[in-house]
Amino acid sequence: MMSSAPITQHAYTSLKTVYVTLLLAILATTFGSYLHLIWETGGMLSIIKCGSSLLLLYRTPQQRVLSRLLYLMDVAICFGASVSLFTKYFFEIDQSTVIRFLQGAAIVFGCFWCAAKVHRERSYIYITSLFSTCILILLRFDVSQWTLKAYVLLALFMGYLVLYSQEILYNARFGEINFANCAFTIFFCLPAIVVHAVRLCLGANMH
């Protein structure tokens, strides 16, 4: 993980592709949340569309990479528009709180992608990403009791992203990497993290 040896070209390209796919997916999710905040687009229709796009994503052959990528973006937008329904009606949390956390996740993916474009050694990619993410999040958001706990969650998620990046680099030694599958695996860890962050916010409000 802390090796300073350059990554092979194939593994390096695969890692950058996964990072930029994750960045596009989280931006699509944030865009869907903004749509719901402005026009209240989330509802039963968006939930059904998210589920149907998810099924199409699973049933699409892996060779049709572009189609799978478009389905992933569709799922991300519908998820962003639908997640506020659960946070609002089950936890009574404002939509703007969810958007702020999604913005923090976008900063995480953006920093990893930018670090991968600048550096080719894995240790520099990980260290630069972690430090730049922490600095940007502290500058972007205010500091309170629940936001500090949410930052800890994002830090744990960054640790998971580093470990999964190691798996991508390892698998790249044996053939092609399906970046849509990799991005899908990482992206769908976010719902559990968002719900847990909302619970932390709810507990802070009750306190």
N, C-alpha and C. Protein backbone atom coordinates (compact mmCIF):
# COMPACT_ATOMS: atom_id res chain seq x y z
N MET A 1 0.82 -1.21 0.00
CA MET A 1 0.00 0.00 0.00
C MET A 1 0.86 1.27 0.00
N MET A 2 1.99 1.22 0.68
CA MET A 2 2.86 2.39 0.76
C MET A 2 4.03 2.28 -0.22
N SER A 3 3.91 1.40 -1.21
CA SER A 3 4.98 1.24 -2.18
C SER A 3 5.11 2.50 -3.04
N SER A 4 6.37 2.89 -3.27
CA SER A 4 6.64 4.05 -4.11
C SER A 4 6.95 3.66 -5.54
N ALA A 5 6.83 2.38 -5.86
CA ALA A 5 7.10 1.93 -7.23
C ALA A 5 5.98 2.39 -8.15
N PRO A 6 6.28 2.79 -9.36
CA PRO A 6 5.23 3.24 -10.29
C PRO A 6 4.25 2.11 -10.62
N ILE A 7 2.99 2.47 -10.79
CA ILE A 7 1.97 1.51 -11.16
C ILE A 7 2.06 1.26 -12.66
N THR A 8 1.77 0.03 -13.08
CA THR A 8 1.78 -0.27 -14.51
C THR A 8 0.73 0.58 -15.22
N GLN A 9 0.94 0.80 -16.49
CA GLN A 9 0.06 1.69 -17.26
C GLN A 9 -1.39 1.19 -17.27
N HIS A 10 -1.58 -0.12 -17.44
CA HIS A 10 -2.93 -0.66 -17.47
C HIS A 10 -3.63 -0.48 -16.13
N ALA A 11 -2.95 -0.78 -15.03
CA ALA A 11 -3.54 -0.61 -13.71
C ALA A 11 -3.79 0.86 -13.41
N TYR A 12 -2.88 1.71 -13.82
CA TYR A 12 -3.02 3.15 -13.60
C TYR A 12 -4.24 3.70 -14.34
N THR A 13 -4.42 3.30 -15.58
CA THR A 13 -5.58 3.74 -16.36
C THR A 13 -6.88 3.21 -15.76
N SER A 14 -6.86 1.97 -15.31
CA SER A 14 -8.06 1.38 -14.71
C SER A 14 -8.44 2.12 -13.43
N LEU A 15 -7.46 2.45 -12.61
CA LEU A 15 -7.74 3.15 -11.35
C LEU A 15 -8.32 4.54 -11.62
N LYS A 16 -7.74 5.27 -12.55
CA LYS A 16 -8.26 6.60 -12.87
C LYS A 16 -9.68 6.51 -13.43
N THR A 17 -9.96 5.50 -14.24
CA THR A 17 -11.30 5.34 -14.81
C THR A 17 -12.33 5.06 -13.73
N VAL A 18 -11.98 4.23 -12.76
CA VAL A 18 -12.89 3.94 -11.65
C VAL A 18 -13.15 5.20 -10.83
N TYR A 19 -12.11 5.97 -10.57
CA TYR A 19 -12.27 7.19 -9.78
C TYR A 19 -13.17 8.21 -10.48
N VAL A 20 -12.96 8.41 -11.78
CA VAL A 20 -13.78 9.40 -12.49
C VAL A 20 -15.22 8.90 -12.62
N THR A 21 -15.43 7.59 -12.73
CA THR A 21 -16.79 7.05 -12.75
C THR A 21 -17.49 7.29 -11.42
N LEU A 22 -16.76 7.08 -10.33
CA LEU A 22 -17.33 7.35 -9.01
C LEU A 22 -17.66 8.84 -8.84
N LEU A 23 -16.79 9.70 -9.32
CA LEU A 23 -17.04 11.14 -9.22
C LEU A 23 -18.30 11.52 -10.00
N LEU A 24 -18.46 10.99 -11.21
CA LEU A 24 -19.66 11.28 -11.99
C LEU A 24 -20.91 10.73 -11.31
N ALA A 25 -20.80 9.56 -10.70
CA ALA A 25 -21.97 8.97 -10.03
C ALA A 25 -22.39 9.79 -8.82
N ILE A 26 -21.44 10.25 -8.02
CA ILE A 26 -21.81 11.03 -6.84
C ILE A 26 -22.29 12.42 -7.23
N LEU A 27 -21.76 12.98 -8.32
CA LEU A 27 -22.29 14.25 -8.81
C LEU A 27 -23.72 14.08 -9.31
N ALA A 28 -24.01 12.95 -9.96
CA ALA A 28 -25.37 12.68 -10.40
C ALA A 28 -26.31 12.52 -9.21
N THR A 29 -25.83 11.88 -8.15
CA THR A 29 -26.65 11.74 -6.94
C THR A 29 -26.93 13.09 -6.31
N THR A 30 -25.92 13.93 -6.23
CA THR A 30 -26.11 15.27 -5.66
C THR A 30 -27.06 16.09 -6.53
N PHE A 31 -26.96 15.94 -7.84
CA PHE A 31 -27.86 16.63 -8.76
C PHE A 31 -29.30 16.17 -8.53
N GLY A 32 -29.52 14.88 -8.35
CA GLY A 32 -30.86 14.38 -8.06
C GLY A 32 -31.40 14.92 -6.75
N SER A 33 -30.53 15.05 -5.75
CA SER A 33 -30.97 15.62 -4.46
C SER A 33 -31.33 17.09 -4.60
N TYR A 34 -30.55 17.83 -5.42
CA TYR A 34 -30.89 19.23 -5.67
C TYR A 34 -32.23 19.35 -6.39
N LEU A 35 -32.50 18.46 -7.33
CA LEU A 35 -33.79 18.49 -8.02
C LEU A 35 -34.94 18.28 -7.05
N HIS A 36 -34.74 17.35 -6.11
CA HIS A 36 -35.81 17.13 -5.13
C HIS A 36 -35.94 18.33 -4.19
N LEU A 37 -34.82 18.96 -3.85
CA LEU A 37 -34.87 20.12 -2.96
C LEU A 37 -35.60 21.29 -3.61
N ILE A 38 -35.40 21.46 -4.92
CA ILE A 38 -35.99 22.61 -5.62
C ILE A 38 -37.41 22.32 -6.09
N TRP A 39 -37.59 21.17 -6.73
CA TRP A 39 -38.89 20.87 -7.36
C TRP A 39 -39.61 19.67 -6.74
N GLU A 40 -39.02 19.06 -5.70
CA GLU A 40 -39.62 17.88 -5.06
C GLU A 40 -39.92 16.79 -6.09
N THR A 41 -38.87 16.42 -6.82
CA THR A 41 -39.03 15.42 -7.88
C THR A 41 -39.07 14.00 -7.33
N GLY A 42 -38.58 13.80 -6.10
CA GLY A 42 -38.55 12.46 -5.54
C GLY A 42 -39.94 11.97 -5.17
N GLY A 43 -40.19 10.71 -5.37
CA GLY A 43 -41.47 10.11 -5.05
C GLY A 43 -41.46 8.64 -5.42
N MET A 44 -42.66 8.07 -5.47
CA MET A 44 -42.76 6.66 -5.81
C MET A 44 -42.22 6.38 -7.21
N LEU A 45 -42.43 7.34 -8.14
CA LEU A 45 -41.95 7.14 -9.51
C LEU A 45 -40.43 7.06 -9.56
N SER A 46 -39.76 7.92 -8.82
CA SER A 46 -38.29 7.89 -8.82
C SER A 46 -37.76 6.62 -8.16
N ILE A 47 -38.46 6.12 -7.15
CA ILE A 47 -38.04 4.87 -6.50
C ILE A 47 -38.19 3.70 -7.47
N ILE A 48 -39.33 3.65 -8.18
CA ILE A 48 -39.55 2.57 -9.14
C ILE A 48 -38.53 2.66 -10.28
N LYS A 49 -38.26 3.89 -10.74
CA LYS A 49 -37.28 4.06 -11.83
C LYS A 49 -35.87 3.66 -11.37
N CYS A 50 -35.53 3.95 -10.13
CA CYS A 50 -34.24 3.56 -9.60
C CYS A 50 -34.12 2.04 -9.57
N GLY A 51 -35.18 1.37 -9.11
CA GLY A 51 -35.16 -0.09 -9.08
C GLY A 51 -35.11 -0.72 -10.46
N SER A 52 -35.86 -0.15 -11.40
CA SER A 52 -35.85 -0.70 -12.76
C SER A 52 -34.50 -0.49 -13.43
N SER A 53 -33.89 0.68 -13.25
CA SER A 53 -32.56 0.91 -13.82
C SER A 53 -31.52 0.01 -13.19
N LEU A 54 -31.70 -0.28 -11.92
CA LEU A 54 -30.79 -1.19 -11.24
C LEU A 54 -30.89 -2.60 -11.82
N LEU A 55 -32.10 -3.05 -12.09
CA LEU A 55 -32.28 -4.36 -12.70
C LEU A 55 -31.69 -4.40 -14.12
N LEU A 56 -31.90 -3.31 -14.87
CA LEU A 56 -31.31 -3.25 -16.21
C LEU A 56 -29.79 -3.25 -16.15
N LEU A 57 -29.25 -2.60 -15.13
CA LEU A 57 -27.80 -2.59 -14.96
C LEU A 57 -27.28 -4.01 -14.72
N TYR A 58 -27.99 -4.77 -13.90
CA TYR A 58 -27.58 -6.14 -13.62
C TYR A 58 -27.71 -7.04 -14.85
N ARG A 59 -28.75 -6.82 -15.66
CA ARG A 59 -29.03 -7.70 -16.79
C ARG A 59 -28.25 -7.32 -18.05
N THR A 60 -27.65 -6.15 -18.08
CA THR A 60 -26.89 -5.73 -19.25
C THR A 60 -25.56 -6.47 -19.29
N PRO A 61 -25.18 -7.05 -20.42
CA PRO A 61 -23.89 -7.76 -20.51
C PRO A 61 -22.72 -6.83 -20.20
N GLN A 62 -21.68 -7.39 -19.65
CA GLN A 62 -20.52 -6.60 -19.26
C GLN A 62 -19.79 -6.00 -20.46
N GLN A 63 -20.00 -6.55 -21.65
CA GLN A 63 -19.34 -5.99 -22.83
C GLN A 63 -19.91 -4.64 -23.21
N ARG A 64 -21.17 -4.38 -22.84
CA ARG A 64 -21.81 -3.10 -23.16
C ARG A 64 -21.51 -2.11 -22.04
N VAL A 65 -20.29 -1.63 -22.03
CA VAL A 65 -19.81 -0.80 -20.94
C VAL A 65 -20.55 0.54 -20.89
N LEU A 66 -20.75 1.16 -22.06
CA LEU A 66 -21.41 2.46 -22.10
C LEU A 66 -22.84 2.37 -21.58
N SER A 67 -23.55 1.32 -21.97
CA SER A 67 -24.93 1.16 -21.49
C SER A 67 -24.96 0.98 -19.98
N ARG A 68 -24.05 0.19 -19.45
CA ARG A 68 -23.99 -0.01 -18.00
C ARG A 68 -23.65 1.29 -17.29
N LEU A 69 -22.78 2.10 -17.90
CA LEU A 69 -22.42 3.38 -17.30
C LEU A 69 -23.62 4.33 -17.28
N LEU A 70 -24.40 4.36 -18.36
CA LEU A 70 -25.59 5.22 -18.40
C LEU A 70 -26.63 4.76 -17.38
N TYR A 71 -26.81 3.45 -17.25
CA TYR A 71 -27.74 2.93 -16.25
C TYR A 71 -27.27 3.29 -14.84
N LEU A 72 -25.96 3.25 -14.61
CA LEU A 72 -25.43 3.63 -13.30
C LEU A 72 -25.71 5.09 -13.00
N MET A 73 -25.55 5.97 -13.97
CA MET A 73 -25.83 7.39 -13.76
C MET A 73 -27.32 7.61 -13.49
N ASP A 74 -28.18 6.86 -14.21
CA ASP A 74 -29.62 6.96 -13.99
C ASP A 74 -30.00 6.52 -12.59
N VAL A 75 -29.38 5.41 -12.14
CA VAL A 75 -29.63 4.94 -10.78
C VAL A 75 -29.17 5.98 -9.77
N ALA A 76 -28.04 6.62 -10.03
CA ALA A 76 -27.49 7.61 -9.10
C ALA A 76 -28.43 8.82 -8.99
N ILE A 77 -28.93 9.31 -10.11
CA ILE A 77 -29.84 10.46 -10.08
C ILE A 77 -31.12 10.12 -9.34
N CYS A 78 -31.70 8.96 -9.65
CA CYS A 78 -32.95 8.55 -9.00
C CYS A 78 -32.74 8.29 -7.51
N PHE A 79 -31.58 7.75 -7.18
CA PHE A 79 -31.28 7.53 -5.76
C PHE A 79 -31.17 8.86 -5.02
N GLY A 80 -30.50 9.84 -5.63
CA GLY A 80 -30.39 11.14 -5.00
C GLY A 80 -31.73 11.82 -4.80
N ALA A 81 -32.64 11.62 -5.74
CA ALA A 81 -33.97 12.22 -5.60
C ALA A 81 -34.84 11.46 -4.62
N SER A 82 -34.53 10.18 -4.38
CA SER A 82 -35.39 9.35 -3.54
C SER A 82 -34.91 9.24 -2.10
N VAL A 83 -33.61 9.43 -1.86
CA VAL A 83 -33.10 9.20 -0.52
C VAL A 83 -33.68 10.18 0.48
N SER A 84 -34.03 11.39 0.02
CA SER A 84 -34.59 12.38 0.93
C SER A 84 -35.95 11.96 1.46
N LEU A 85 -36.69 11.14 0.71
CA LEU A 85 -37.97 10.66 1.21
C LEU A 85 -37.80 9.86 2.49
N PHE A 86 -36.76 9.02 2.53
CA PHE A 86 -36.52 8.21 3.72
C PHE A 86 -35.98 9.07 4.86
N THR A 87 -35.04 9.96 4.56
CA THR A 87 -34.47 10.79 5.62
C THR A 87 -35.49 11.78 6.18
N LYS A 88 -36.42 12.22 5.37
CA LYS A 88 -37.40 13.20 5.83
C LYS A 88 -38.51 12.54 6.63
N TYR A 89 -39.07 11.45 6.11
CA TYR A 89 -40.23 10.86 6.75
C TYR A 89 -39.88 9.90 7.88
N PHE A 90 -38.67 9.31 7.84
CA PHE A 90 -38.28 8.39 8.91
C PHE A 90 -37.44 9.06 9.98
N PHE A 91 -36.65 10.07 9.60
CA PHE A 91 -35.75 10.71 10.55
C PHE A 91 -36.04 12.20 10.73
N GLU A 92 -36.91 12.78 9.88
CA GLU A 92 -37.25 14.20 9.94
C GLU A 92 -35.99 15.07 9.81
N ILE A 93 -35.15 14.70 8.88
CA ILE A 93 -33.92 15.44 8.61
C ILE A 93 -34.11 16.23 7.33
N ASP A 94 -33.67 17.49 7.35
CA ASP A 94 -33.82 18.35 6.19
C ASP A 94 -32.98 17.86 5.02
N GLN A 95 -33.48 18.11 3.80
CA GLN A 95 -32.78 17.65 2.60
C GLN A 95 -31.42 18.30 2.44
N SER A 96 -31.28 19.52 2.90
CA SER A 96 -30.00 20.20 2.75
C SER A 96 -28.88 19.48 3.50
N THR A 97 -29.22 18.81 4.61
CA THR A 97 -28.22 18.04 5.35
C THR A 97 -27.69 16.89 4.51
N VAL A 98 -28.59 16.20 3.82
CA VAL A 98 -28.19 15.09 2.96
C VAL A 98 -27.30 15.61 1.82
N ILE A 99 -27.67 16.75 1.25
CA ILE A 99 -26.87 17.32 0.15
C ILE A 99 -25.47 17.67 0.63
N ARG A 100 -25.36 18.20 1.84
CA ARG A 100 -24.04 18.55 2.36
C ARG A 100 -23.16 17.32 2.51
N PHE A 101 -23.75 16.22 2.98
CA PHE A 101 -22.96 14.99 3.11
C PHE A 101 -22.58 14.44 1.74
N LEU A 102 -23.48 14.53 0.77
CA LEU A 102 -23.14 14.08 -0.58
C LEU A 102 -22.06 14.95 -1.19
N GLN A 103 -22.07 16.24 -0.88
CA GLN A 103 -20.99 17.11 -1.34
C GLN A 103 -19.65 16.68 -0.75
N GLY A 104 -19.67 16.26 0.53
CA GLY A 104 -18.44 15.76 1.13
C GLY A 104 -17.94 14.50 0.44
N ALA A 105 -18.87 13.60 0.07
CA ALA A 105 -18.46 12.40 -0.66
C ALA A 105 -17.92 12.76 -2.04
N ALA A 106 -18.51 13.78 -2.69
CA ALA A 106 -18.00 14.23 -3.99
C ALA A 106 -16.58 14.77 -3.86
N ILE A 107 -16.31 15.48 -2.77
CA ILE A 107 -14.95 15.97 -2.53
C ILE A 107 -13.97 14.81 -2.39
N VAL A 108 -14.41 13.74 -1.70
CA VAL A 108 -13.56 12.55 -1.54
C VAL A 108 -13.17 11.98 -2.90
N PHE A 109 -14.17 11.70 -3.74
CA PHE A 109 -13.89 11.09 -5.04
C PHE A 109 -13.10 12.03 -5.94
N GLY A 110 -13.42 13.34 -5.86
CA GLY A 110 -12.70 14.31 -6.68
C GLY A 110 -11.23 14.39 -6.30
N CYS A 111 -10.94 14.34 -5.01
CA CYS A 111 -9.54 14.40 -4.57
C CYS A 111 -8.78 13.15 -4.99
N PHE A 112 -9.42 11.99 -4.89
CA PHE A 112 -8.76 10.76 -5.31
C PHE A 112 -8.48 10.79 -6.82
N TRP A 113 -9.43 11.29 -7.58
CA TRP A 113 -9.23 11.35 -9.04
C TRP A 113 -8.13 12.32 -9.42
N CYS A 114 -8.13 13.51 -8.78
CA CYS A 114 -7.09 14.50 -9.08
C CYS A 114 -5.71 13.99 -8.65
N ALA A 115 -5.64 13.33 -7.50
CA ALA A 115 -4.35 12.78 -7.06
C ALA A 115 -3.85 11.70 -8.01
N ALA A 116 -4.78 10.89 -8.54
CA ALA A 116 -4.39 9.85 -9.49
C ALA A 116 -3.92 10.44 -10.81
N LYS A 117 -4.43 11.62 -11.17
CA LYS A 117 -3.98 12.26 -12.40
C LYS A 117 -2.60 12.88 -12.23
N VAL A 118 -2.26 13.30 -11.02
CA VAL A 118 -0.99 13.98 -10.79
C VAL A 118 0.13 12.97 -10.49
N HIS A 119 -0.18 11.97 -9.65
CA HIS A 119 0.83 11.02 -9.21
C HIS A 119 0.56 9.64 -9.82
N ARG A 120 1.63 8.89 -9.95
CA ARG A 120 1.51 7.52 -10.44
C ARG A 120 1.92 6.49 -9.39
N GLU A 121 2.54 6.92 -8.29
CA GLU A 121 2.88 6.02 -7.21
C GLU A 121 1.70 5.93 -6.25
N ARG A 122 1.37 4.72 -5.85
CA ARG A 122 0.16 4.52 -5.04
C ARG A 122 0.24 5.21 -3.70
N SER A 123 1.42 5.24 -3.08
CA SER A 123 1.53 5.88 -1.77
C SER A 123 1.24 7.38 -1.88
N TYR A 124 1.75 8.02 -2.92
CA TYR A 124 1.48 9.45 -3.12
C TYR A 124 0.00 9.70 -3.44
N ILE A 125 -0.61 8.80 -4.19
CA ILE A 125 -2.04 8.94 -4.49
C ILE A 125 -2.86 8.92 -3.22
N TYR A 126 -2.60 7.93 -2.35
CA TYR A 126 -3.40 7.79 -1.14
C TYR A 126 -3.16 8.92 -0.16
N ILE A 127 -1.90 9.26 0.08
CA ILE A 127 -1.58 10.30 1.07
C ILE A 127 -2.10 11.66 0.61
N THR A 128 -1.86 11.99 -0.66
CA THR A 128 -2.35 13.27 -1.19
C THR A 128 -3.87 13.35 -1.12
N SER A 129 -4.55 12.26 -1.45
CA SER A 129 -6.01 12.25 -1.43
C SER A 129 -6.54 12.45 -0.02
N LEU A 130 -5.97 11.76 0.95
CA LEU A 130 -6.46 11.85 2.33
C LEU A 130 -6.26 13.25 2.90
N PHE A 131 -5.08 13.81 2.70
CA PHE A 131 -4.80 15.13 3.27
C PHE A 131 -5.63 16.22 2.57
N SER A 132 -5.69 16.19 1.26
CA SER A 132 -6.45 17.23 0.54
C SER A 132 -7.94 17.12 0.83
N THR A 133 -8.46 15.91 1.00
CA THR A 133 -9.88 15.76 1.33
C THR A 133 -10.19 16.35 2.69
N CYS A 134 -9.36 16.03 3.67
CA CYS A 134 -9.60 16.57 5.02
C CYS A 134 -9.55 18.10 5.04
N ILE A 135 -8.60 18.67 4.33
CA ILE A 135 -8.48 20.13 4.32
C ILE A 135 -9.68 20.76 3.63
N LEU A 136 -10.07 20.24 2.47
CA LEU A 136 -11.20 20.83 1.73
C LEU A 136 -12.51 20.69 2.49
N ILE A 137 -12.73 19.57 3.14
CA ILE A 137 -13.97 19.39 3.89
C ILE A 137 -14.03 20.34 5.07
N LEU A 138 -12.91 20.51 5.78
CA LEU A 138 -12.90 21.45 6.90
C LEU A 138 -13.10 22.88 6.44
N LEU A 139 -12.58 23.23 5.27
CA LEU A 139 -12.78 24.58 4.75
C LEU A 139 -14.19 24.79 4.21
N ARG A 140 -14.81 23.73 3.69
CA ARG A 140 -16.11 23.86 3.05
C ARG A 140 -17.26 23.87 4.04
N PHE A 141 -17.16 23.08 5.11
CA PHE A 141 -18.27 22.92 6.03
C PHE A 141 -17.92 23.44 7.41
N ASP A 142 -18.97 23.83 8.14
CA ASP A 142 -18.76 24.27 9.50
C ASP A 142 -18.50 23.06 10.40
N VAL A 143 -17.98 23.35 11.58
CA VAL A 143 -17.61 22.29 12.52
C VAL A 143 -18.60 22.29 13.68
N SER A 144 -19.24 21.15 13.88
CA SER A 144 -20.14 20.95 15.01
C SER A 144 -19.98 19.52 15.49
N GLN A 145 -20.77 19.15 16.51
CA GLN A 145 -20.60 17.83 17.09
C GLN A 145 -20.95 16.73 16.09
N TRP A 146 -22.08 16.90 15.38
CA TRP A 146 -22.49 15.83 14.47
C TRP A 146 -21.66 15.82 13.18
N THR A 147 -21.22 17.03 12.75
CA THR A 147 -20.42 17.05 11.52
C THR A 147 -19.06 16.40 11.74
N LEU A 148 -18.50 16.53 12.94
CA LEU A 148 -17.24 15.86 13.22
C LEU A 148 -17.41 14.34 13.14
N LYS A 149 -18.54 13.83 13.64
CA LYS A 149 -18.80 12.40 13.54
C LYS A 149 -19.02 11.99 12.09
N ALA A 150 -19.68 12.87 11.32
CA ALA A 150 -19.86 12.58 9.89
C ALA A 150 -18.52 12.58 9.17
N TYR A 151 -17.60 13.46 9.57
CA TYR A 151 -16.27 13.47 8.98
C TYR A 151 -15.52 12.18 9.28
N VAL A 152 -15.72 11.65 10.50
CA VAL A 152 -15.10 10.37 10.84
C VAL A 152 -15.64 9.27 9.93
N LEU A 153 -16.95 9.30 9.64
CA LEU A 153 -17.52 8.33 8.72
C LEU A 153 -16.90 8.45 7.32
N LEU A 154 -16.73 9.69 6.86
CA LEU A 154 -16.09 9.88 5.56
C LEU A 154 -14.63 9.40 5.58
N ALA A 155 -13.96 9.60 6.70
CA ALA A 155 -12.58 9.12 6.80
C ALA A 155 -12.54 7.60 6.73
N LEU A 156 -13.48 6.93 7.40
CA LEU A 156 -13.54 5.46 7.31
C LEU A 156 -13.86 5.02 5.89
N PHE A 157 -14.73 5.78 5.22
CA PHE A 157 -15.05 5.44 3.84
C PHE A 157 -13.83 5.63 2.94
N MET A 158 -13.02 6.65 3.22
CA MET A 158 -11.79 6.83 2.46
C MET A 158 -10.84 5.66 2.67
N GLY A 159 -10.79 5.15 3.91
CA GLY A 159 -9.98 3.97 4.16
C GLY A 159 -10.45 2.77 3.37
N TYR A 160 -11.78 2.61 3.30
CA TYR A 160 -12.33 1.53 2.48
C TYR A 160 -11.98 1.73 1.01
N LEU A 161 -12.03 2.98 0.54
CA LEU A 161 -11.71 3.27 -0.85
C LEU A 161 -10.25 2.95 -1.16
N VAL A 162 -9.36 3.21 -0.19
CA VAL A 162 -7.94 2.88 -0.38
C VAL A 162 -7.76 1.37 -0.50
N LEU A 163 -8.42 0.62 0.38
CA LEU A 163 -8.30 -0.85 0.33
C LEU A 163 -8.88 -1.40 -0.97
N TYR A 164 -10.01 -0.84 -1.41
CA TYR A 164 -10.59 -1.32 -2.66
C TYR A 164 -9.72 -0.92 -3.85
N SER A 165 -9.04 0.21 -3.75
CA SER A 165 -8.11 0.59 -4.81
C SER A 165 -6.97 -0.42 -4.92
N GLN A 166 -6.54 -0.92 -3.76
CA GLN A 166 -5.52 -1.97 -3.79
C GLN A 166 -6.02 -3.21 -4.52
N GLU A 167 -7.29 -3.55 -4.29
CA GLU A 167 -7.86 -4.71 -4.97
C GLU A 167 -7.94 -4.48 -6.48
N ILE A 168 -8.28 -3.25 -6.89
CA ILE A 168 -8.33 -2.93 -8.32
C ILE A 168 -6.95 -3.09 -8.94
N LEU A 169 -5.93 -2.56 -8.27
CA LEU A 169 -4.56 -2.66 -8.79
C LEU A 169 -4.11 -4.11 -8.87
N TYR A 170 -4.53 -4.92 -7.90
CA TYR A 170 -4.14 -6.33 -7.92
C TYR A 170 -4.84 -7.07 -9.06
N ASN A 171 -6.14 -6.82 -9.22
CA ASN A 171 -6.89 -7.52 -10.27
C ASN A 171 -6.45 -7.08 -11.67
N ALA A 172 -5.95 -5.84 -11.77
CA ALA A 172 -5.50 -5.34 -13.08
C ALA A 172 -4.30 -6.12 -13.60
N ARG A 173 -3.61 -6.82 -12.73
CA ARG A 173 -2.46 -7.62 -13.17
C ARG A 173 -2.89 -8.85 -13.97
N PHE A 174 -4.17 -9.24 -13.85
CA PHE A 174 -4.63 -10.48 -14.46
C PHE A 174 -5.59 -10.25 -15.63
N GLY A 175 -5.81 -9.02 -16.02
CA GLY A 175 -6.68 -8.78 -17.17
C GLY A 175 -7.41 -7.46 -17.07
N GLU A 176 -8.44 -7.32 -17.92
CA GLU A 176 -9.21 -6.09 -17.97
C GLU A 176 -10.05 -5.90 -16.70
N ILE A 177 -10.23 -4.65 -16.31
CA ILE A 177 -11.04 -4.28 -15.16
C ILE A 177 -12.36 -3.69 -15.66
N ASN A 178 -13.46 -4.22 -15.16
CA ASN A 178 -14.77 -3.66 -15.49
C ASN A 178 -15.03 -2.50 -14.53
N PHE A 179 -14.73 -1.29 -15.00
CA PHE A 179 -14.81 -0.13 -14.11
C PHE A 179 -16.24 0.18 -13.69
N ALA A 180 -17.23 -0.21 -14.51
CA ALA A 180 -18.62 0.00 -14.11
C ALA A 180 -18.97 -0.85 -12.89
N ASN A 181 -18.51 -2.10 -12.88
CA ASN A 181 -18.76 -2.97 -11.72
C ASN A 181 -18.03 -2.45 -10.48
N CYS A 182 -16.80 -2.02 -10.66
CA CYS A 182 -16.04 -1.50 -9.52
C CYS A 182 -16.69 -0.25 -8.94
N ALA A 183 -17.07 0.67 -9.81
CA ALA A 183 -17.72 1.89 -9.35
C ALA A 183 -19.06 1.58 -8.69
N PHE A 184 -19.79 0.60 -9.25
CA PHE A 184 -21.08 0.21 -8.68
C PHE A 184 -20.89 -0.36 -7.27
N THR A 185 -19.86 -1.17 -7.07
CA THR A 185 -19.60 -1.77 -5.76
C THR A 185 -19.30 -0.70 -4.72
N ILE A 186 -18.45 0.26 -5.06
CA ILE A 186 -18.09 1.30 -4.11
C ILE A 186 -19.26 2.25 -3.88
N PHE A 187 -19.96 2.61 -4.97
CA PHE A 187 -21.02 3.60 -4.88
C PHE A 187 -22.15 3.14 -3.96
N PHE A 188 -22.48 1.85 -3.99
CA PHE A 188 -23.61 1.38 -3.21
C PHE A 188 -23.23 1.02 -1.79
N CYS A 189 -22.02 1.39 -1.37
CA CYS A 189 -21.73 1.44 0.06
C CYS A 189 -22.19 2.76 0.66
N LEU A 190 -22.43 3.76 -0.18
CA LEU A 190 -22.80 5.08 0.31
C LEU A 190 -24.16 5.13 1.02
N PRO A 191 -25.22 4.41 0.55
CA PRO A 191 -26.51 4.52 1.25
C PRO A 191 -26.43 4.22 2.74
N ALA A 192 -25.71 3.17 3.11
CA ALA A 192 -25.58 2.85 4.53
C ALA A 192 -24.85 3.95 5.28
N ILE A 193 -23.84 4.56 4.64
CA ILE A 193 -23.09 5.63 5.29
C ILE A 193 -23.95 6.87 5.44
N VAL A 194 -24.76 7.19 4.40
CA VAL A 194 -25.65 8.34 4.48
C VAL A 194 -26.68 8.16 5.59
N VAL A 195 -27.27 6.98 5.68
CA VAL A 195 -28.28 6.73 6.71
C VAL A 195 -27.65 6.83 8.10
N HIS A 196 -26.44 6.32 8.25
CA HIS A 196 -25.78 6.40 9.55
C HIS A 196 -25.44 7.85 9.90
N ALA A 197 -25.02 8.63 8.91
CA ALA A 197 -24.75 10.05 9.16
C ALA A 197 -26.03 10.79 9.55
N VAL A 198 -27.15 10.43 8.92
CA VAL A 198 -28.43 11.05 9.28
C VAL A 198 -28.82 10.69 10.70
N ARG A 199 -28.56 9.47 11.12
CA ARG A 199 -28.85 9.08 12.49
C ARG A 199 -28.01 9.88 13.48
N LEU A 200 -26.75 10.13 13.13
CA LEU A 200 -25.90 10.96 13.99
C LEU A 200 -26.45 12.38 14.09
N CYS A 201 -26.90 12.91 12.95
CA CYS A 201 -27.49 14.25 12.95
C CYS A 201 -28.75 14.29 13.80
N LEU A 202 -29.58 13.25 13.68
CA LEU A 202 -30.81 13.19 14.46
C LEU A 202 -30.51 13.13 15.95
N GLY A 203 -29.50 12.32 16.31
CA GLY A 203 -29.15 12.25 17.72
C GLY A 203 -28.63 13.57 18.25
N ALA A 204 -27.87 14.30 17.43
CA ALA A 204 -27.37 15.61 17.86
C ALA A 204 -28.51 16.61 18.03
N ASN A 205 -29.51 16.55 17.11
CA ASN A 205 -30.65 17.46 17.24
C ASN A 205 -31.48 17.15 18.48
N MET A 206 -31.68 15.86 18.74
CA MET A 206 -32.44 15.49 19.94
C MET A 206 -31.71 15.93 21.21
N HIS A 207 -30.36 15.79 21.18
CA HIS A 207 -29.58 16.21 22.35
C HIS A 207 -29.67 17.73 22.55
